Amino acid sequence: MSSEDQREKLKQHFSKRVTSQARIVLDNWQKLKDSDWADLQWLDDLKESSAKLGKFASRFEMAQHQIVAQKLSNALDTLEKDSDIIDESKRESINNVIAELSECTQRKSDRDTQAAPRTFLRTPIYIALNNAENAQRIIKQLEFFGFRAVSFDTGEALINAAKHDKPETIVIDVNFGGEQYSGIEAIQSIQADHETPIPILFTSEEEDDIKIRLMASRCGGEEFFYKVVDLGQLIEKIEEYTNASPLDPYKVLVVDDSRAQARYIENVLTKAGMTTCVITDPMQVLIALNEFSPEIVIMDMYMPGCTGMELARVIRQQDKFHSVPIIYLSAEDDINKQLHAMSLGGDDFLTKPINPRHLASTIHNRGRRARSLLALMIRDSLTGLYNHTHTLYLLEVEIAKAKQNDTKLTFAMLDIDFFKKINDSYGHPIGDRVLKSLSLFLKQRLRKTDHIGRYGGEEFAIVLPNTSESDAKKIINEIREKFAELRQPAGDKEFQVTFSCGVASGSDENAQIICERADNALYDAKREGRNAVRSFRDDKHKPS
């Protein structure tokens, strides 16, 4: 591949990150619009995502997106400066910019059609099953989780639709259309029309052997369901393959007394899409660690005042930075000294001069590994939510922020009703599926600024910043009502599940007091019949 081809491929890769961020902006705008411009949290999310879009577009030299992002940020800034109600003229101004963003976010094939410009939210999921009844059942279930799904009757219709609107994923029968392997052939045709593959979830009611599974895998098949399609598992997989949010950039702290060398590293990593903080005085490293909270540290081996090895030992003495990768960058080529340096707290050693691609690749690999290890430490293995310890840590962090900014904070505790009866009646695997179903339901319906954790067993906890107790009660009540409508599959049977919840607010109290208040409110909800949301300030808990 020529250098020109490599540059073009890299440009296309970065353009996808900008497009993904643009769709997040459009999604936040739609949610703000759906709330009739009353939910200011969605307004804050829109501002944040717009600013991020501008940074991405500037970094990756996508001028059209950069111009539109700046227009949108300017329009949103007028709302921030004015204290009056958002009137129609301001809404219309923002809507016009959103229309521009929607237009430049569309693919070429979209602009070539005669149809009116569309606003991109989440792109659709395509369902192509021979059993139309099952297809509609899946679509209905997906709607509960915030997905938009479309069903097709023929392979030709599916192929034509995929040309004009690339789906997030496709659920398809291997014999869709009635002919043997006709579904696989349709997918092969669809994948040929797109530069990046679409994740495919294949189903088969008739065949299940190595030959058909290999055929499915070769054309993008990520999953293969034989005979019965478990709806809960299917939705989990769809969520896994349709996560539209791009990964946040890795945060890299560069410690090098040579300003020129430090800036060179910064430029290489910035072009690779990473966020950097540069310090040339190693004595400032503790301040930088606390203020920047890096995911990776790159440091020179030999600096005035201390060596990189000494600095690494100091960093490792702090528990929260104990697992942060430390990479030495030095002209030292003595292998014994390199090994000694790594034995004192380092994770890797790169020798100057360093190839830019090698540097970016090393940082990316180390960052990905560090995030995976961190997730294992702070997340529940079954649901993927924060574990008990980290949830309480986040509560303490948000309490501190609420005190500092004089804002509201609410904590909620949820408990699935009669969960033991579910396990006894349907088995523990189905009980686990219910837990995962509720966790996914909460993630789909709460804001990205909210923190959701599995508190233990069938209990969940939610930290809701900038939210009053009454607003939290209303939000969770709506989630409770919707979740109660969801039908949980258990073989050839279905059942419904409810939960109870207690909410409590307070930015002046400590985490223990707020937890106790939410727990008391949850106990009241249980005692009074379950399937309800109770506030700490309701009735007897109301302060005198």
Protein backbone atom coordinates (compact mmCIF):
# COMPACT_ATOMS: atom_id res chain seq x y z
CA MET A 1 0.00 0.00 0.00
CA SER A 2 1.41 3.42 -0.98
CA SER A 3 1.84 6.22 1.56
CA GLU A 4 -0.97 8.11 -0.21
CA ASP A 5 -3.30 5.13 0.22
CA GLN A 6 -2.33 4.86 3.87
CA ARG A 7 -3.11 8.54 4.45
CA GLU A 8 -6.47 8.16 2.74
CA LYS A 9 -7.34 5.10 4.82
CA LEU A 10 -6.34 6.92 8.01
CA LYS A 11 -8.44 9.91 6.99
CA GLN A 12 -11.46 7.66 6.41
CA HIS A 13 -10.91 6.04 9.81
CA PHE A 14 -10.90 9.42 11.56
CA SER A 15 -13.92 10.62 9.60
CA LYS A 16 -15.93 7.78 11.11
CA ARG A 17 -15.11 9.05 14.60
CA VAL A 18 -16.37 12.52 13.66
CA THR A 19 -19.52 11.05 12.11
CA SER A 20 -20.17 8.93 15.21
CA GLN A 21 -19.80 12.00 17.41
CA ALA A 22 -22.14 13.96 15.13
CA ARG A 23 -24.80 11.28 15.60
CA ILE A 24 -24.42 11.56 19.37
CA VAL A 25 -25.10 15.31 19.02
CA LEU A 26 -28.20 14.57 16.95
CA ASP A 27 -29.37 11.98 19.46
CA ASN A 28 -29.00 14.44 22.37
CA TRP A 29 -30.88 17.08 20.40
CA GLN A 30 -33.74 14.65 19.75
CA LYS A 31 -33.98 13.80 23.46
CA LEU A 32 -34.04 17.51 24.34
CA LYS A 33 -36.74 18.04 21.73
CA ASP A 34 -38.77 15.08 23.07
CA SER A 35 -38.71 16.68 26.54
CA ASP A 36 -40.14 19.87 24.97
CA TRP A 37 -36.87 21.64 25.87
CA ALA A 38 -37.66 21.23 29.57
CA ASP A 39 -34.96 18.73 30.64
CA LEU A 40 -31.87 20.90 31.06
CA GLN A 41 -29.66 17.85 31.54
CA TRP A 42 -30.20 16.97 27.87
CA LEU A 43 -29.33 20.59 27.06
CA ASP A 44 -26.07 20.20 28.99
CA ASP A 45 -25.37 16.92 27.16
CA LEU A 46 -26.04 18.65 23.83
CA LYS A 47 -23.57 21.42 24.67
CA GLU A 48 -20.92 18.93 25.78
CA SER A 49 -21.31 16.69 22.73
CA SER A 50 -21.27 19.72 20.39
CA ALA A 51 -18.02 20.97 21.88
CA LYS A 52 -16.51 17.50 21.53
CA LEU A 53 -17.64 17.36 17.90
CA GLY A 54 -15.86 20.65 17.22
CA LYS A 55 -12.64 19.32 18.75
CA PHE A 56 -12.80 16.08 16.75
CA ALA A 57 -13.61 17.88 13.51
CA SER A 58 -10.74 20.34 14.03
CA ARG A 59 -8.27 17.59 14.95
CA PHE A 60 -9.19 15.41 11.97
CA GLU A 61 -9.51 18.33 9.52
CA MET A 62 -13.20 17.90 8.63
CA ALA A 63 -14.01 21.51 7.83
CA GLN A 64 -17.75 21.19 7.19
CA HIS A 65 -18.42 19.47 10.51
CA GLN A 66 -16.16 21.98 12.28
CA ILE A 67 -18.10 24.94 10.89
CA VAL A 68 -21.48 23.45 11.81
CA ALA A 69 -20.25 22.47 15.29
CA GLN A 70 -19.09 26.06 15.87
CA LYS A 71 -22.47 27.40 14.71
CA LEU A 72 -24.25 25.05 17.08
CA SER A 73 -21.99 25.93 20.00
CA ASN A 74 -22.59 29.65 19.36
CA ALA A 75 -26.35 29.11 19.26
CA LEU A 76 -26.25 27.10 22.48
CA ASP A 77 -24.06 29.73 24.17
CA THR A 78 -26.86 32.28 23.74
CA LEU A 79 -29.10 29.99 25.78
CA GLU A 80 -26.48 29.74 28.49
CA LYS A 81 -26.12 33.51 28.73
CA ASP A 82 -29.86 34.25 28.77
CA SER A 83 -31.98 33.36 31.76
CA ASP A 84 -35.35 33.62 30.01
CA ILE A 85 -37.38 30.70 28.68
CA ILE A 86 -36.11 29.18 25.46
CA ASP A 87 -38.43 30.84 22.96
CA GLU A 88 -39.45 29.61 19.53
CA SER A 89 -36.96 31.78 17.62
CA LYS A 90 -34.02 30.33 19.58
CA ARG A 91 -35.31 26.82 19.11
CA GLU A 92 -35.72 27.43 15.40
CA SER A 93 -32.17 28.77 15.15
CA ILE A 94 -30.80 25.61 16.77
CA ASN A 95 -33.08 23.40 14.66
CA ASN A 96 -31.69 24.99 11.50
CA VAL A 97 -28.11 24.23 12.53
CA ILE A 98 -29.15 20.68 13.44
CA ALA A 99 -30.57 20.30 9.93
CA GLU A 100 -27.16 21.35 8.53
CA LEU A 101 -25.41 18.82 10.76
CA SER A 102 -27.83 16.10 9.70
CA GLU A 103 -27.15 16.88 6.05
CA CYS A 104 -23.35 16.76 6.32
CA THR A 105 -23.52 13.61 8.47
CA GLN A 106 -25.40 11.65 5.83
CA ARG A 107 -23.49 9.24 3.62
CA LYS A 108 -23.06 9.99 -0.07
CA SER A 109 -25.66 7.38 -0.96
CA ASP A 110 -28.15 9.18 1.29
CA ARG A 111 -27.55 12.53 -0.41
CA ASP A 112 -27.90 10.97 -3.85
CA THR A 113 -31.46 9.83 -3.15
CA GLN A 114 -34.47 12.00 -3.91
CA ALA A 115 -35.82 11.60 -0.39
CA ALA A 116 -35.89 14.57 1.95
CA PRO A 117 -32.93 14.92 4.31
CA ARG A 118 -33.23 12.70 7.37
CA THR A 119 -32.15 13.37 10.91
CA PHE A 120 -29.85 10.60 12.09
CA LEU A 121 -30.49 9.27 15.57
CA ARG A 122 -29.54 5.69 16.20
CA THR A 123 -29.27 3.97 12.86
CA PRO A 124 -31.70 1.06 12.48
CA ILE A 125 -31.42 -2.62 13.21
CA TYR A 126 -32.63 -4.77 10.33
CA ILE A 127 -34.64 -7.92 11.04
CA ALA A 128 -34.87 -10.49 8.23
CA LEU A 129 -36.59 -13.65 9.43
CA ASN A 130 -38.76 -16.14 7.58
CA ASN A 131 -41.10 -16.21 10.57
CA ALA A 132 -42.82 -12.80 10.40
CA GLU A 133 -44.47 -13.30 13.79
CA ASN A 134 -41.10 -13.79 15.48
CA ALA A 135 -39.72 -10.75 13.68
CA GLN A 136 -42.49 -8.51 15.03
CA ARG A 137 -42.04 -9.96 18.50
CA ILE A 138 -38.34 -9.10 18.43
CA ILE A 139 -39.05 -5.58 17.14
CA LYS A 140 -41.53 -4.96 19.95
CA GLN A 141 -39.04 -6.11 22.58
CA LEU A 142 -36.28 -3.99 21.07
CA GLU A 143 -38.47 -0.89 21.29
CA PHE A 144 -38.57 -1.31 25.07
CA PHE A 145 -34.80 -0.94 25.09
CA GLY A 146 -34.71 2.17 22.90
CA PHE A 147 -33.73 0.47 19.63
CA ARG A 148 -35.27 1.23 16.24
CA ALA A 149 -35.80 -1.95 14.22
CA VAL A 150 -37.20 -2.59 10.74
CA SER A 151 -38.46 -5.90 9.35
CA PHE A 152 -38.10 -7.08 5.71
CA ASP A 153 -40.01 -9.62 3.66
CA THR A 154 -37.53 -10.21 0.83
CA GLY A 155 -33.77 -10.30 0.34
CA GLU A 156 -34.00 -7.72 -2.43
CA ALA A 157 -35.74 -5.21 -0.15
CA LEU A 158 -33.13 -5.81 2.56
CA ILE A 159 -30.21 -5.29 0.13
CA ASN A 160 -31.71 -2.08 -1.28
CA ALA A 161 -32.39 -0.65 2.18
CA ALA A 162 -28.85 -1.45 3.39
CA LYS A 163 -27.38 0.41 0.38
CA HIS A 164 -29.10 3.64 1.37
CA ASP A 165 -29.06 3.38 5.16
CA LYS A 166 -26.34 1.21 6.66
CA PRO A 167 -27.79 -0.59 9.70
CA GLU A 168 -26.06 -0.96 13.04
CA THR A 169 -26.55 -4.69 12.81
CA ILE A 170 -28.70 -7.27 11.00
CA VAL A 171 -30.56 -10.23 12.48
CA ILE A 172 -31.15 -12.66 9.63
CA ASP A 173 -32.12 -16.26 8.94
CA VAL A 174 -29.40 -18.12 7.01
CA ASN A 175 -32.14 -19.23 4.58
CA PHE A 176 -34.00 -15.90 4.51
CA GLY A 177 -36.32 -15.89 1.53
CA GLY A 178 -36.81 -19.66 1.54
CA GLU A 179 -33.83 -20.80 -0.53
CA GLN A 180 -30.86 -22.58 1.03
CA TYR A 181 -28.19 -20.08 2.13
CA SER A 182 -30.13 -17.20 0.52
CA GLY A 183 -29.74 -15.15 3.72
CA ILE A 184 -25.97 -15.63 3.68
CA GLU A 185 -25.86 -14.64 0.00
CA ALA A 186 -27.85 -11.47 0.76
CA ILE A 187 -25.38 -10.55 3.51
CA GLN A 188 -22.42 -11.12 1.18
CA SER A 189 -23.98 -8.67 -1.27
CA ILE A 190 -24.65 -6.10 1.49
CA GLN A 191 -21.12 -6.31 2.95
CA ALA A 192 -19.63 -5.72 -0.51
CA ASP A 193 -21.37 -2.32 -0.64
CA HIS A 194 -19.78 -1.03 2.56
CA GLU A 195 -16.19 -0.27 3.44
CA THR A 196 -16.53 -1.44 7.05
CA PRO A 197 -18.38 -4.69 7.84
CA ILE A 198 -21.79 -4.76 9.49
CA PRO A 199 -22.02 -7.09 12.51
CA ILE A 200 -24.47 -9.88 11.64
CA LEU A 201 -26.47 -12.09 14.00
CA PHE A 202 -27.49 -15.24 12.12
CA THR A 203 -30.33 -17.57 13.04
CA SER A 204 -31.10 -21.06 11.74
CA GLU A 205 -34.05 -23.32 12.43
CA GLU A 206 -32.92 -26.16 10.16
CA GLU A 207 -29.13 -26.48 9.96
CA ASP A 208 -26.29 -26.27 12.44
CA ASP A 209 -22.95 -27.68 11.30
CA ILE A 210 -19.41 -26.40 10.88
CA LYS A 211 -19.92 -25.70 7.18
CA ILE A 212 -22.82 -23.28 7.65
CA ARG A 213 -21.21 -21.64 10.67
CA LEU A 214 -18.02 -21.00 8.68
CA MET A 215 -20.03 -19.51 5.82
CA ALA A 216 -21.83 -17.25 8.29
CA SER A 217 -18.60 -16.21 10.02
CA ARG A 218 -16.83 -15.38 6.75
CA CYS A 219 -19.40 -12.75 5.82
CA GLY A 220 -19.44 -10.96 9.17
CA GLY A 221 -21.45 -13.31 11.35
CA GLU A 222 -20.68 -12.41 14.96
CA GLU A 223 -23.29 -14.71 16.54
CA PHE A 224 -25.19 -17.82 15.48
CA PHE A 225 -28.54 -18.79 17.07
CA TYR A 226 -29.81 -22.28 16.35
CA LYS A 227 -33.45 -23.33 16.71
CA VAL A 228 -34.87 -21.02 19.40
CA VAL A 229 -33.74 -17.40 19.52
CA ASP A 230 -33.47 -16.36 23.17
CA LEU A 231 -34.79 -12.78 23.19
CA GLY A 232 -32.84 -11.73 26.26
CA GLN A 233 -29.56 -13.01 24.86
CA LEU A 234 -30.33 -11.53 21.44
CA ILE A 235 -30.92 -8.08 22.91
CA GLU A 236 -27.68 -8.32 24.92
CA LYS A 237 -25.76 -9.10 21.74
CA ILE A 238 -27.46 -6.30 19.80
CA GLU A 239 -26.49 -3.87 22.56
CA GLU A 240 -22.92 -5.13 22.40
CA TYR A 241 -22.63 -4.62 18.63
CA THR A 242 -24.58 -1.37 18.39
CA ASN A 243 -22.71 0.76 20.89
CA ALA A 244 -22.51 3.90 18.74
CA SER A 245 -20.41 5.99 21.13
CA PRO A 246 -16.77 6.22 20.11
CA LEU A 247 -14.19 5.37 22.74
CA ASP A 248 -13.03 8.33 24.77
CA PRO A 249 -9.45 9.33 23.86
CA TYR A 250 -6.74 7.84 26.02
CA LYS A 251 -5.35 10.33 28.55
CA VAL A 252 -1.54 10.33 28.46
CA LEU A 253 0.79 12.20 30.81
CA VAL A 254 4.17 13.01 29.21
CA VAL A 255 7.05 13.71 31.62
CA ASP A 256 10.25 14.85 29.86
CA ASP A 257 12.65 17.66 30.76
CA SER A 258 13.32 18.24 27.05
CA ARG A 259 10.56 20.58 25.86
CA ALA A 260 11.22 19.74 22.21
CA GLN A 261 11.03 15.98 22.85
CA ALA A 262 7.88 16.39 24.96
CA ARG A 263 6.17 18.45 22.25
CA TYR A 264 7.12 15.88 19.62
CA ILE A 265 5.49 13.11 21.64
CA GLU A 266 2.46 15.32 22.25
CA ASN A 267 2.03 15.97 18.52
CA VAL A 268 2.31 12.28 17.64
CA LEU A 269 -0.30 11.25 20.23
CA THR A 270 -2.66 14.13 19.45
CA LYS A 271 -2.68 13.17 15.77
CA ALA A 272 -3.50 9.61 16.89
CA GLY A 273 -6.59 10.95 18.67
CA MET A 274 -5.29 10.93 22.25
CA THR A 275 -5.45 13.61 24.95
CA THR A 276 -2.10 14.61 26.42
CA CYS A 277 -0.74 16.61 29.34
CA VAL A 278 2.94 17.63 29.16
CA ILE A 279 5.15 18.55 32.12
CA THR A 280 8.85 19.31 31.78
CA ASP A 281 9.51 19.62 35.52
CA PRO A 282 9.35 16.15 37.15
CA MET A 283 8.78 17.81 40.53
CA GLN A 284 5.25 18.74 39.30
CA VAL A 285 4.24 15.15 38.61
CA LEU A 286 2.00 14.70 41.69
CA ILE A 287 0.02 17.83 40.83
CA ALA A 288 -0.38 16.64 37.23
CA LEU A 289 -1.48 13.17 38.35
CA ASN A 290 -4.24 14.54 40.59
CA GLU A 291 -5.47 17.20 38.19
CA PHE A 292 -5.23 15.23 34.91
CA SER A 293 -5.84 11.64 36.16
CA PRO A 294 -3.90 9.99 33.31
CA GLU A 295 -4.53 6.48 32.05
CA ILE A 296 -0.91 6.12 30.86
CA VAL A 297 2.36 7.82 31.82
CA ILE A 298 5.33 8.27 29.44
CA MET A 299 8.52 9.48 31.05
CA ASP A 300 12.16 9.99 30.27
CA MET A 301 14.67 7.83 32.14
CA TYR A 302 17.10 10.58 33.10
CA MET A 303 15.89 14.00 34.25
CA PRO A 304 17.22 16.77 36.50
CA GLY A 305 16.43 16.15 40.15
CA CYS A 306 15.39 12.53 39.80
CA THR A 307 15.38 9.53 37.50
CA GLY A 308 12.36 8.03 35.82
CA MET A 309 12.77 4.94 38.00
CA GLU A 310 12.54 7.01 41.19
CA LEU A 311 9.52 8.84 39.85
CA ALA A 312 7.82 5.55 38.97
CA ARG A 313 8.25 4.31 42.54
CA VAL A 314 6.65 7.49 43.89
CA ILE A 315 3.71 7.12 41.50
CA ARG A 316 3.23 3.47 42.47
CA GLN A 317 2.96 4.43 46.15
CA GLN A 318 -0.50 5.89 45.45
CA ASP A 319 -3.16 3.21 45.27
CA LYS A 320 -5.26 4.89 42.58
CA PHE A 321 -2.24 5.00 40.22
CA HIS A 322 -0.90 1.58 41.10
CA SER A 323 -2.16 -0.01 37.86
CA VAL A 324 -1.54 2.95 35.50
CA PRO A 325 0.95 1.81 32.80
CA ILE A 326 4.30 3.61 32.96
CA ILE A 327 6.36 3.60 29.77
CA TYR A 328 9.99 4.71 29.76
CA LEU A 329 11.25 6.58 26.71
CA SER A 330 15.03 6.92 26.60
CA ALA A 331 18.16 6.63 24.47
CA GLU A 332 19.40 4.01 26.96
CA ASP A 333 20.16 0.85 24.94
CA ASP A 334 21.66 -1.28 27.72
CA ILE A 335 19.18 -4.16 28.04
CA ASN A 336 20.14 -4.83 31.67
CA LYS A 337 19.42 -1.23 32.64
CA GLN A 338 16.13 -1.38 30.76
CA LEU A 339 15.09 -4.52 32.62
CA HIS A 340 16.12 -2.98 35.93
CA ALA A 341 14.06 0.12 35.18
CA MET A 342 10.97 -1.96 34.46
CA SER A 343 11.48 -3.97 37.66
CA LEU A 344 11.07 -0.71 39.60
CA GLY A 345 7.54 0.04 38.42
CA GLY A 346 7.73 0.42 34.66
CA ASP A 347 5.64 -1.56 32.16
CA ASP A 348 7.47 -0.94 28.90
CA PHE A 349 10.63 0.58 27.48
CA LEU A 350 10.87 2.44 24.18
CA THR A 351 14.22 3.47 22.78
CA LYS A 352 14.78 6.87 21.16
CA PRO A 353 14.43 7.76 18.37
CA ILE A 354 10.95 6.25 18.33
CA ASN A 355 8.89 5.61 15.22
CA PRO A 356 5.61 7.62 15.51
CA ARG A 357 3.46 4.63 14.50
CA HIS A 358 5.26 2.40 16.99
CA LEU A 359 4.71 4.95 19.75
CA ALA A 360 0.99 5.40 18.98
CA SER A 361 0.46 1.66 18.66
CA THR A 362 2.20 0.94 21.98
CA ILE A 363 0.15 3.57 23.81
CA HIS A 364 -3.08 2.29 22.25
CA ASN A 365 -2.36 -1.31 23.25
CA ARG A 366 -1.36 -0.38 26.77
CA GLY A 367 -4.38 1.90 27.15
CA ARG A 368 -6.80 -0.75 25.98
CA ARG A 369 -5.29 -3.26 28.39
CA ALA A 370 -5.40 -0.78 31.28
CA ARG A 371 -9.07 -0.02 30.65
CA SER A 372 -9.89 -3.73 30.55
CA LEU A 373 -8.14 -4.32 33.88
CA LEU A 374 -9.83 -1.28 35.42
CA ALA A 375 -13.23 -2.55 34.28
CA LEU A 376 -12.53 -5.87 35.98
CA MET A 377 -11.78 -4.04 39.22
CA ILE A 378 -14.72 -1.64 39.29
CA ARG A 379 -17.50 -3.41 37.37
CA ASP A 380 -19.82 -6.27 38.18
CA SER A 381 -18.98 -9.27 36.00
CA LEU A 382 -22.62 -10.26 35.33
CA THR A 383 -24.25 -6.94 34.44
CA GLY A 384 -21.28 -4.76 33.48
CA LEU A 385 -22.52 -2.09 35.92
CA TYR A 386 -20.31 -0.55 38.60
CA ASN A 387 -19.75 -2.78 41.61
CA HIS A 388 -20.82 -1.94 45.17
CA THR A 389 -17.50 -0.36 46.22
CA HIS A 390 -17.11 1.84 43.15
CA THR A 391 -20.75 2.94 43.26
CA LEU A 392 -20.24 4.28 46.79
CA TYR A 393 -17.01 5.96 45.66
CA LEU A 394 -18.89 7.71 42.83
CA LEU A 395 -21.59 8.76 45.29
CA GLU A 396 -18.94 10.42 47.47
CA VAL A 397 -17.41 12.13 44.43
CA GLU A 398 -20.80 13.49 43.33
CA ILE A 399 -21.63 14.65 46.87
CA ALA A 400 -18.41 16.68 46.88
CA LYS A 401 -19.26 18.16 43.46
CA ALA A 402 -22.78 19.03 44.58
CA LYS A 403 -21.45 20.83 47.66
CA GLN A 404 -18.88 22.72 45.60
CA ASN A 405 -21.33 23.74 42.86
CA ASP A 406 -24.38 24.11 45.12
CA THR A 407 -26.39 21.65 43.02
CA LYS A 408 -28.84 18.88 43.84
CA LEU A 409 -28.00 15.20 44.10
CA THR A 410 -30.22 12.14 44.49
CA PHE A 411 -29.40 8.52 45.27
CA ALA A 412 -31.76 5.64 44.41
CA MET A 413 -31.84 2.02 45.52
CA LEU A 414 -33.80 -0.55 43.47
CA ASP A 415 -34.73 -4.09 44.39
CA ILE A 416 -36.36 -6.66 42.07
CA ASP A 417 -39.61 -7.90 43.57
CA PHE A 418 -39.90 -11.60 44.46
CA PHE A 419 -36.54 -12.39 42.89
CA LYS A 420 -36.13 -15.60 44.89
CA LYS A 421 -39.42 -16.82 43.46
CA ILE A 422 -38.11 -16.16 39.92
CA ASN A 423 -34.99 -18.23 40.62
CA ASP A 424 -37.03 -21.03 42.20
CA SER A 425 -39.61 -21.11 39.38
CA TYR A 426 -37.41 -20.65 36.30
CA GLY A 427 -33.85 -21.35 37.45
CA HIS A 428 -30.82 -19.19 38.21
CA PRO A 429 -29.80 -18.68 34.53
CA ILE A 430 -33.17 -17.00 33.91
CA GLY A 431 -32.72 -14.99 37.11
CA ASP A 432 -29.34 -13.80 35.82
CA ARG A 433 -31.00 -12.87 32.54
CA VAL A 434 -33.53 -10.74 34.44
CA LEU A 435 -30.70 -8.93 36.23
CA LYS A 436 -28.98 -8.21 32.92
CA SER A 437 -32.28 -7.13 31.39
CA LEU A 438 -32.88 -4.55 34.11
CA SER A 439 -29.28 -3.30 33.93
CA LEU A 440 -29.59 -2.77 30.18
CA PHE A 441 -33.00 -1.12 30.63
CA LEU A 442 -31.54 1.36 33.13
CA LYS A 443 -28.54 2.15 30.90
CA GLN A 444 -30.85 2.82 27.95
CA ARG A 445 -33.14 5.20 29.85
CA LEU A 446 -30.85 7.13 32.17
CA ARG A 447 -28.38 9.85 31.25
CA LYS A 448 -24.73 9.15 30.60
CA THR A 449 -23.93 11.45 33.56
CA ASP A 450 -25.85 9.14 35.91
CA HIS A 451 -23.95 6.32 37.61
CA ILE A 452 -25.62 2.90 37.76
CA GLY A 453 -24.30 0.11 39.96
CA ARG A 454 -25.23 -3.37 41.08
CA TYR A 455 -25.39 -2.94 44.83
CA GLY A 456 -25.56 -6.66 45.55
CA GLY A 457 -27.77 -9.62 44.67
CA GLU A 458 -30.95 -8.25 43.09
CA GLU A 459 -30.30 -4.71 44.35
CA PHE A 460 -29.21 -1.82 42.11
CA ALA A 461 -28.09 1.70 42.98
CA ILE A 462 -28.19 4.89 40.92
CA VAL A 463 -26.40 8.20 41.55
CA LEU A 464 -28.25 11.06 39.82
CA PRO A 465 -26.30 14.36 39.78
CA ASN A 466 -28.18 17.65 39.26
CA THR A 467 -31.46 15.93 40.10
CA SER A 468 -33.99 16.69 42.82
CA GLU A 469 -35.65 13.97 44.85
CA SER A 470 -39.04 14.62 43.23
CA ASP A 471 -37.59 14.56 39.71
CA ALA A 472 -35.71 11.33 40.42
CA LYS A 473 -38.89 9.74 41.74
CA LYS A 474 -40.74 10.73 38.57
CA ILE A 475 -37.99 9.44 36.24
CA ILE A 476 -37.63 6.09 37.98
CA ASN A 477 -41.40 5.68 38.22
CA GLU A 478 -41.59 5.95 34.42
CA ILE A 479 -38.83 3.34 34.10
CA ARG A 480 -40.64 1.09 36.59
CA GLU A 481 -43.88 1.24 34.62
CA LYS A 482 -42.17 0.46 31.32
CA PHE A 483 -40.05 -2.34 32.76
CA ALA A 484 -43.16 -3.98 34.22
CA GLU A 485 -44.58 -4.22 30.68
CA LEU A 486 -41.55 -6.08 29.38
CA ARG A 487 -42.12 -9.81 28.90
CA GLN A 488 -39.23 -11.96 30.09
CA PRO A 489 -38.69 -15.17 28.08
CA ALA A 490 -38.23 -18.51 29.83
CA GLY A 491 -38.24 -21.30 27.27
CA ASP A 492 -41.78 -21.58 25.91
CA LYS A 493 -43.13 -19.38 28.71
CA GLU A 494 -43.03 -15.65 29.43
CA PHE A 495 -43.39 -13.70 32.66
CA GLN A 496 -43.21 -10.11 33.83
CA VAL A 497 -41.03 -8.57 36.54
CA THR A 498 -41.42 -5.49 38.73
CA PHE A 499 -39.10 -3.64 41.07
CA SER A 500 -39.38 -1.38 44.09
CA CYS A 501 -37.28 1.71 44.66
CA GLY A 502 -36.38 4.23 47.34
CA VAL A 503 -34.87 7.64 46.58
CA ALA A 504 -33.17 10.17 48.81
CA SER A 505 -31.40 13.44 48.13
CA GLY A 506 -28.94 15.64 49.93
CA SER A 507 -25.62 17.30 49.15
CA ASP A 508 -24.93 18.30 52.75
CA GLU A 509 -24.85 14.77 54.15
CA ASN A 510 -22.29 12.03 53.78
CA ALA A 511 -22.72 8.92 51.64
CA GLN A 512 -23.71 6.72 54.56
CA ILE A 513 -26.63 8.95 55.58
CA ILE A 514 -27.97 9.21 52.01
CA CYS A 515 -27.70 5.42 51.58
CA GLU A 516 -29.62 4.84 54.80
CA ARG A 517 -32.36 7.24 53.72
CA ALA A 518 -32.73 5.56 50.32
CA ASP A 519 -32.75 2.15 51.99
CA ASN A 520 -35.52 3.26 54.39
CA ALA A 521 -37.59 4.54 51.48
CA LEU A 522 -37.02 1.25 49.63
CA TYR A 523 -38.19 -0.67 52.71
CA ASP A 524 -41.38 1.40 52.73
CA ALA A 525 -42.01 0.61 49.06
CA LYS A 526 -41.60 -3.09 49.81
CA ARG A 527 -43.73 -3.00 52.95
CA GLU A 528 -46.56 -1.18 51.21
CA GLY A 529 -46.99 -3.76 48.45
CA ARG A 530 -43.92 -3.52 46.18
CA ASN A 531 -43.84 -2.33 42.54
CA ALA A 532 -43.56 1.29 43.68
CA VAL A 533 -41.12 4.17 44.08
CA ARG A 534 -40.98 5.87 47.45
CA SER A 535 -39.15 9.06 48.39
CA PHE A 536 -37.42 9.56 51.71
CA ARG A 537 -39.34 12.79 52.11
CA ASP A 538 -42.70 11.09 51.64
CA ASP A 539 -45.01 10.98 54.64
CA LYS A 540 -43.25 9.86 57.83
CA HIS A 541 -39.72 10.56 56.57
CA LYS A 542 -40.57 14.17 55.75
CA PRO A 543 -38.48 16.52 57.93
CA SER A 544 -40.40 18.51 60.50
